[in-house]
Amino acid sequence: MRVQKILTDNGKEFTDRLFGSREKAASGGHEFDQLCAALGREHRLTRPPQTQTNGMVERFNGRLADILHAHHFKDGESWEQTIDRSVWQAH
């Protein structure tokens, strides 16, 4: 499984876009943006204030955290299979 896109909120740890303002676009120069670019990942931001979208992201992240805490992985392949199954069950 290869992560292709990353959806985050507009927190200062993810973007330099001015929070709450739709006028200022992200510059792409933030450290997180640069890391995503270096890894070949697309970084997307939720539109402020979209609490429903942010809630979906938080719920999904919580689900992944629960899976990671509940399973013991013997190798990368078993981790990948478990995450893949869990992601497809969420749809």
Protein backbone atom coordinates (compact mmCIF):
# COMPACT_ATOMS: atom_id res chain seq x y z
CA MET A 1 0.00 0.00 0.00
CA ARG A 2 1.36 3.40 -0.91
CA VAL A 3 -0.01 6.59 0.61
CA GLN A 4 -0.67 9.00 -2.23
CA LYS A 5 -2.61 11.85 -0.61
CA ILE A 6 -2.59 13.24 2.90
CA LEU A 7 -5.54 15.29 4.18
CA THR A 8 -4.88 17.51 7.18
CA ASP A 9 -6.58 20.38 8.91
CA ASN A 10 -5.16 23.89 8.80
CA GLY A 11 -3.12 23.62 11.97
CA LYS A 12 0.18 25.45 12.07
CA GLU A 13 1.98 22.10 12.27
CA PHE A 14 0.72 21.33 8.73
CA THR A 15 0.47 24.61 6.85
CA ASP A 16 1.42 28.26 6.70
CA ARG A 17 -2.03 29.17 5.39
CA LEU A 18 -3.58 31.75 7.65
CA PHE A 19 -6.16 29.92 9.76
CA GLY A 20 -9.75 30.91 9.06
CA SER A 21 -8.90 32.92 5.97
CA ARG A 22 -9.70 31.69 2.51
CA GLU A 23 -7.78 34.57 1.03
CA LYS A 24 -4.31 33.27 1.74
CA ALA A 25 -3.34 30.05 0.03
CA ALA A 26 -0.69 27.73 1.41
CA SER A 27 2.73 28.64 0.04
CA GLY A 28 4.04 25.07 -0.19
CA GLY A 29 7.07 26.22 1.76
CA HIS A 30 5.96 24.83 5.11
CA GLU A 31 8.15 22.00 6.46
CA PHE A 32 5.26 19.49 6.24
CA ASP A 33 4.55 20.48 2.61
CA GLN A 34 8.22 20.06 1.75
CA LEU A 35 8.33 16.63 3.40
CA CYS A 36 5.23 15.51 1.48
CA ALA A 37 6.75 16.77 -1.78
CA ALA A 38 10.06 15.00 -1.08
CA LEU A 39 8.15 11.76 -0.48
CA GLY A 40 6.00 12.22 -3.58
CA ARG A 41 2.79 12.68 -1.60
CA GLU A 42 0.04 15.17 -2.30
CA HIS A 43 -0.84 17.28 0.74
CA ARG A 44 -4.43 18.48 0.85
CA LEU A 45 -5.97 20.81 3.40
CA THR A 46 -9.55 20.85 4.66
CA ARG A 47 -11.40 24.05 3.88
CA PRO A 48 -11.75 26.22 6.97
CA PRO A 49 -14.07 25.95 8.83
CA GLN A 50 -15.24 22.51 7.70
CA THR A 51 -15.78 20.78 11.03
CA GLN A 52 -17.55 17.86 9.34
CA THR A 53 -14.51 17.06 7.17
CA ASN A 54 -12.17 17.56 10.10
CA GLY A 55 -14.34 15.22 12.16
CA MET A 56 -14.10 12.54 9.48
CA VAL A 57 -10.31 12.86 9.42
CA GLU A 58 -10.11 12.68 13.23
CA ARG A 59 -12.42 9.65 13.33
CA PHE A 60 -10.36 7.86 10.67
CA ASN A 61 -7.10 8.64 12.50
CA GLY A 62 -8.63 7.35 15.73
CA ARG A 63 -9.69 4.17 13.98
CA LEU A 64 -6.16 3.60 12.68
CA ALA A 65 -4.72 4.26 16.16
CA ASP A 66 -7.11 1.69 17.65
CA ILE A 67 -6.04 -0.89 15.06
CA LEU A 68 -2.35 -0.23 15.67
CA HIS A 69 -2.80 -0.62 19.43
CA ALA A 70 -4.93 -3.78 19.16
CA HIS A 71 -2.69 -5.78 16.83
CA HIS A 72 0.75 -7.25 17.03
CA PHE A 73 2.50 -7.24 13.67
CA LYS A 74 5.21 -9.77 12.94
CA ASP A 75 6.41 -7.92 9.84
CA GLY A 76 5.64 -5.11 7.43
CA GLU A 77 3.49 -7.34 5.27
CA SER A 78 1.12 -8.25 8.12
CA TRP A 79 0.90 -4.55 9.04
CA GLU A 80 0.07 -3.64 5.45
CA GLN A 81 -2.60 -6.36 5.15
CA THR A 82 -4.29 -5.29 8.38
CA ILE A 83 -4.32 -1.61 7.46
CA ASP A 84 -5.53 -2.40 3.94
CA ARG A 85 -8.41 -4.51 5.28
CA SER A 86 -9.34 -1.82 7.77
CA VAL A 87 -9.30 0.97 5.21
CA TRP A 88 -11.54 -0.96 2.82
CA GLN A 89 -13.96 -1.84 5.65
CA ALA A 90 -14.31 1.87 6.41
CA HIS A 91 -15.72 2.50 2.92
